[in-house]
């Protein structure tokens, strides 16, 4: 058994936050050391928890559209690694899913990232992921996403692709007009190598 396989077995058996979850722990991620693109989200939603598949919902449909890739490419772990800040569905609050459980990232993140040596593009989705992965803190998610050229071409900060963010998308037309065409081009370049 390789070190990587052993680490994944530990992750999938993790019960660190059992008392704080609405359901039994069910770590959901997608990772392979050959992956070229890393997607860093917040935590799996209820539908992903039920299916056992990351982004298996309307958010995933929109994210794949933003990236300009098929479902098959998206779910090929040799192409795309999906490593959320929390691996288990945290539950639902008043205005959407709860924040990722804080136990997950310190326990597993650096160990898993150390196996991703071929990543050429990292998509950092949402405030929790951006706070962890981007070292220059901006005043808001909008300002961070608006400053996408600062991180280009290795990192692209994104809002969450949830349908709940339609208001944000309507208020920020520059996102679809300027950033998304560049993102699709960059994803294509990375995956076509």
Protein backbone atom coordinates (compact mmCIF):
# COMPACT_ATOMS: atom_id res chain seq x y z
CA UNK A 1 0.00 0.00 0.00
CA UNK A 2 1.42 3.39 -0.96
CA UNK A 3 1.68 6.33 1.41
CA UNK A 4 -0.96 8.17 -0.64
CA UNK A 5 -3.41 5.25 -0.54
CA UNK A 6 -2.89 4.88 3.18
CA UNK A 7 -3.56 8.59 3.69
CA UNK A 8 -6.78 8.38 1.67
CA UNK A 9 -7.92 5.41 3.76
CA UNK A 10 -7.40 7.54 6.89
CA UNK A 11 -9.32 10.46 5.39
CA UNK A 12 -12.28 8.30 4.39
CA UNK A 13 -12.37 6.76 7.88
CA UNK A 14 -12.19 10.14 9.64
CA UNK A 15 -14.69 10.77 12.46
CA UNK A 16 -13.12 13.90 14.02
CA UNK A 17 -16.31 15.97 13.88
CA UNK A 18 -18.94 13.26 14.36
CA UNK A 19 -20.76 15.05 17.20
CA UNK A 20 -21.01 18.25 15.17
CA UNK A 21 -22.55 16.85 11.99
CA UNK A 22 -26.24 16.31 11.17
CA UNK A 23 -25.40 12.93 9.57
CA UNK A 24 -22.67 10.32 9.91
CA UNK A 25 -19.31 11.53 8.56
CA UNK A 26 -18.96 10.89 4.85
CA UNK A 27 -15.80 12.54 3.49
CA UNK A 28 -16.31 13.58 -0.12
CA UNK A 29 -13.34 14.54 -2.26
CA UNK A 30 -11.67 13.60 -5.52
CA UNK A 31 -7.91 13.39 -5.73
CA UNK A 32 -5.15 11.80 -7.77
CA UNK A 33 -1.45 12.78 -7.74
CA UNK A 34 -1.60 13.27 -11.55
CA UNK A 35 -4.33 15.95 -11.40
CA UNK A 36 -3.63 19.20 -13.26
CA UNK A 37 -6.47 21.31 -11.86
CA UNK A 38 -7.37 21.69 -8.20
CA UNK A 39 -10.82 22.87 -7.14
CA UNK A 40 -10.95 24.16 -3.58
CA UNK A 41 -14.52 24.56 -2.40
CA UNK A 42 -16.12 25.00 0.99
CA UNK A 43 -17.79 21.67 1.89
CA UNK A 44 -20.10 19.20 0.16
CA UNK A 45 -23.77 20.15 0.04
CA UNK A 46 -26.66 17.89 1.00
CA UNK A 47 -27.09 16.50 -2.54
CA UNK A 48 -23.37 15.73 -2.82
CA UNK A 49 -23.56 14.04 0.59
CA UNK A 50 -26.48 11.89 -0.55
CA UNK A 51 -24.80 10.96 -3.86
CA UNK A 52 -21.28 10.67 -2.46
CA UNK A 53 -20.07 12.74 -5.42
CA UNK A 54 -18.63 16.27 -5.14
CA UNK A 55 -20.54 19.02 -6.96
CA UNK A 56 -23.26 16.59 -8.05
CA UNK A 57 -25.88 19.35 -8.09
CA UNK A 58 -26.81 22.64 -9.78
CA UNK A 59 -23.64 24.26 -8.40
CA UNK A 60 -21.57 21.61 -10.15
CA UNK A 61 -23.44 22.12 -13.41
CA UNK A 62 -22.67 25.82 -13.26
CA UNK A 63 -19.03 25.26 -12.27
CA UNK A 64 -18.51 22.89 -15.21
CA UNK A 65 -20.09 25.51 -17.48
CA UNK A 66 -17.77 28.18 -16.07
CA UNK A 67 -14.79 25.89 -16.73
CA UNK A 68 -16.01 24.84 -20.18
CA UNK A 69 -15.53 21.12 -19.52
CA UNK A 70 -17.69 18.02 -19.67
CA UNK A 71 -18.92 16.04 -16.70
CA UNK A 72 -16.55 13.23 -17.76
CA UNK A 73 -13.50 15.53 -17.67
CA UNK A 74 -14.63 17.07 -14.39
CA UNK A 75 -14.93 13.69 -12.69
CA UNK A 76 -11.64 12.33 -14.04
CA UNK A 77 -9.36 12.58 -10.97
CA UNK A 78 -6.29 12.55 -13.20
CA UNK A 79 -7.56 15.85 -14.64
CA UNK A 80 -9.36 17.51 -11.73
CA UNK A 81 -8.79 17.17 -7.99
CA UNK A 82 -11.61 18.40 -5.75
CA UNK A 83 -10.46 19.14 -2.23
CA UNK A 84 -12.97 21.16 -0.20
CA UNK A 85 -12.07 22.91 3.04
CA UNK A 86 -14.36 20.49 4.89
CA UNK A 87 -14.91 16.99 3.54
CA UNK A 88 -18.31 16.30 5.12
CA UNK A 89 -21.68 18.02 4.74
CA UNK A 90 -21.83 20.45 7.70
CA UNK A 91 -25.62 20.86 7.75
CA UNK A 92 -27.95 23.66 6.79
CA UNK A 93 -28.44 27.02 8.51
CA UNK A 94 -30.83 29.94 8.03
CA UNK A 95 -29.29 31.19 4.79
CA UNK A 96 -27.75 28.06 3.31
CA UNK A 97 -25.24 25.41 4.24
CA UNK A 98 -23.21 25.90 7.40
CA UNK A 99 -19.54 26.76 7.22
CA UNK A 100 -17.03 23.92 6.80
CA UNK A 101 -16.13 22.13 10.01
CA UNK A 102 -12.85 23.58 11.37
CA UNK A 103 -11.35 20.19 12.27
CA UNK A 104 -10.89 19.06 8.68
CA UNK A 105 -8.34 21.43 7.13
CA UNK A 106 -5.71 21.24 9.90
CA UNK A 107 -5.99 17.46 10.02
CA UNK A 108 -5.73 16.65 6.31
CA UNK A 109 -5.18 19.60 3.97
CA UNK A 110 -1.39 19.94 3.90
CA UNK A 111 -0.88 16.17 3.79
CA UNK A 112 -3.14 15.80 0.76
CA UNK A 113 -1.82 18.89 -1.02
CA UNK A 114 1.73 17.55 -0.72
CA UNK A 115 0.73 14.74 -3.13
CA UNK A 116 -0.51 17.18 -5.80
CA UNK A 117 2.75 18.11 -7.50
CA UNK A 118 1.36 18.53 -11.05
CA UNK A 119 -1.30 21.19 -10.33
CA UNK A 120 -1.15 24.01 -12.87
CA UNK A 121 -4.41 25.76 -11.98
CA UNK A 122 -6.24 26.13 -8.66
CA UNK A 123 -9.82 27.39 -8.53
CA UNK A 124 -10.48 28.85 -5.08
CA UNK A 125 -14.23 28.99 -4.50
CA UNK A 126 -15.82 31.04 -1.77
CA UNK A 127 -14.70 32.95 1.28
CA UNK A 128 -13.45 30.05 3.45
CA UNK A 129 -11.27 28.63 0.71
CA UNK A 130 -9.97 32.07 -0.23
CA UNK A 131 -9.12 32.90 3.38
CA UNK A 132 -7.04 29.74 3.59
CA UNK A 133 -5.35 29.74 0.18
CA UNK A 134 -4.84 33.43 -0.64
CA UNK A 135 -2.34 35.25 1.47
CA UNK A 136 -3.44 38.82 0.77
CA UNK A 137 -6.74 39.43 2.52
CA UNK A 138 -9.16 41.74 0.73
CA UNK A 139 -12.21 43.42 2.16
CA UNK A 140 -14.77 41.11 0.53
CA UNK A 141 -15.25 38.12 -1.72
CA UNK A 142 -16.23 40.51 -4.53
CA UNK A 143 -12.97 42.43 -4.19
CA UNK A 144 -10.99 39.20 -4.13
CA UNK A 145 -12.67 37.87 -7.28
CA UNK A 146 -12.35 41.29 -8.95
CA UNK A 147 -8.57 41.09 -8.33
CA UNK A 148 -8.32 37.76 -10.20
CA UNK A 149 -5.51 39.04 -12.44
CA UNK A 150 -3.32 39.34 -9.33
CA UNK A 151 -3.31 35.56 -8.96
CA UNK A 152 -3.40 34.63 -12.65
CA UNK A 153 -2.49 32.20 -14.25
CA UNK A 154 -1.97 29.72 -11.37
CA UNK A 155 -4.91 30.65 -9.13
CA UNK A 156 -8.41 31.92 -9.91
CA UNK A 157 -10.67 33.08 -7.06
CA UNK A 158 -14.35 32.45 -7.77
CA UNK A 159 -17.68 33.06 -6.06
CA UNK A 160 -19.64 29.96 -5.19
CA UNK A 161 -21.46 28.68 -8.30
CA UNK A 162 -24.65 28.09 -6.32
CA UNK A 163 -27.95 29.28 -7.81
CA UNK A 164 -28.23 31.29 -4.57
CA UNK A 165 -25.53 33.55 -6.02
CA UNK A 166 -27.62 34.71 -9.00
CA UNK A 167 -27.98 38.15 -7.41
CA UNK A 168 -24.19 38.44 -7.10
CA UNK A 169 -23.74 37.39 -10.72
CA UNK A 170 -26.31 39.94 -11.90
CA UNK A 171 -24.61 42.70 -9.89
CA UNK A 172 -21.17 41.82 -11.25
CA UNK A 173 -21.52 41.38 -15.04
CA UNK A 174 -17.74 41.81 -15.45
CA UNK A 175 -17.34 38.31 -13.98
CA UNK A 176 -19.05 36.59 -16.92
CA UNK A 177 -17.78 39.06 -19.52
CA UNK A 178 -14.11 39.24 -18.48
CA UNK A 179 -13.11 36.39 -16.20
CA UNK A 180 -15.05 33.38 -17.50
CA UNK A 181 -13.73 33.47 -21.10
CA UNK A 182 -10.16 33.61 -19.73
CA UNK A 183 -10.92 30.81 -17.28
CA UNK A 184 -12.27 28.53 -20.03
CA UNK A 185 -9.21 29.22 -22.16
CA UNK A 186 -6.85 28.49 -19.26
CA UNK A 187 -8.65 25.25 -18.33
CA UNK A 188 -8.44 24.11 -21.95
CA UNK A 189 -4.70 24.91 -22.10
CA UNK A 190 -3.99 22.97 -18.90
CA UNK A 191 -6.03 19.89 -19.82
CA UNK A 192 -4.80 19.75 -23.43
CA UNK A 193 -1.14 19.32 -22.42
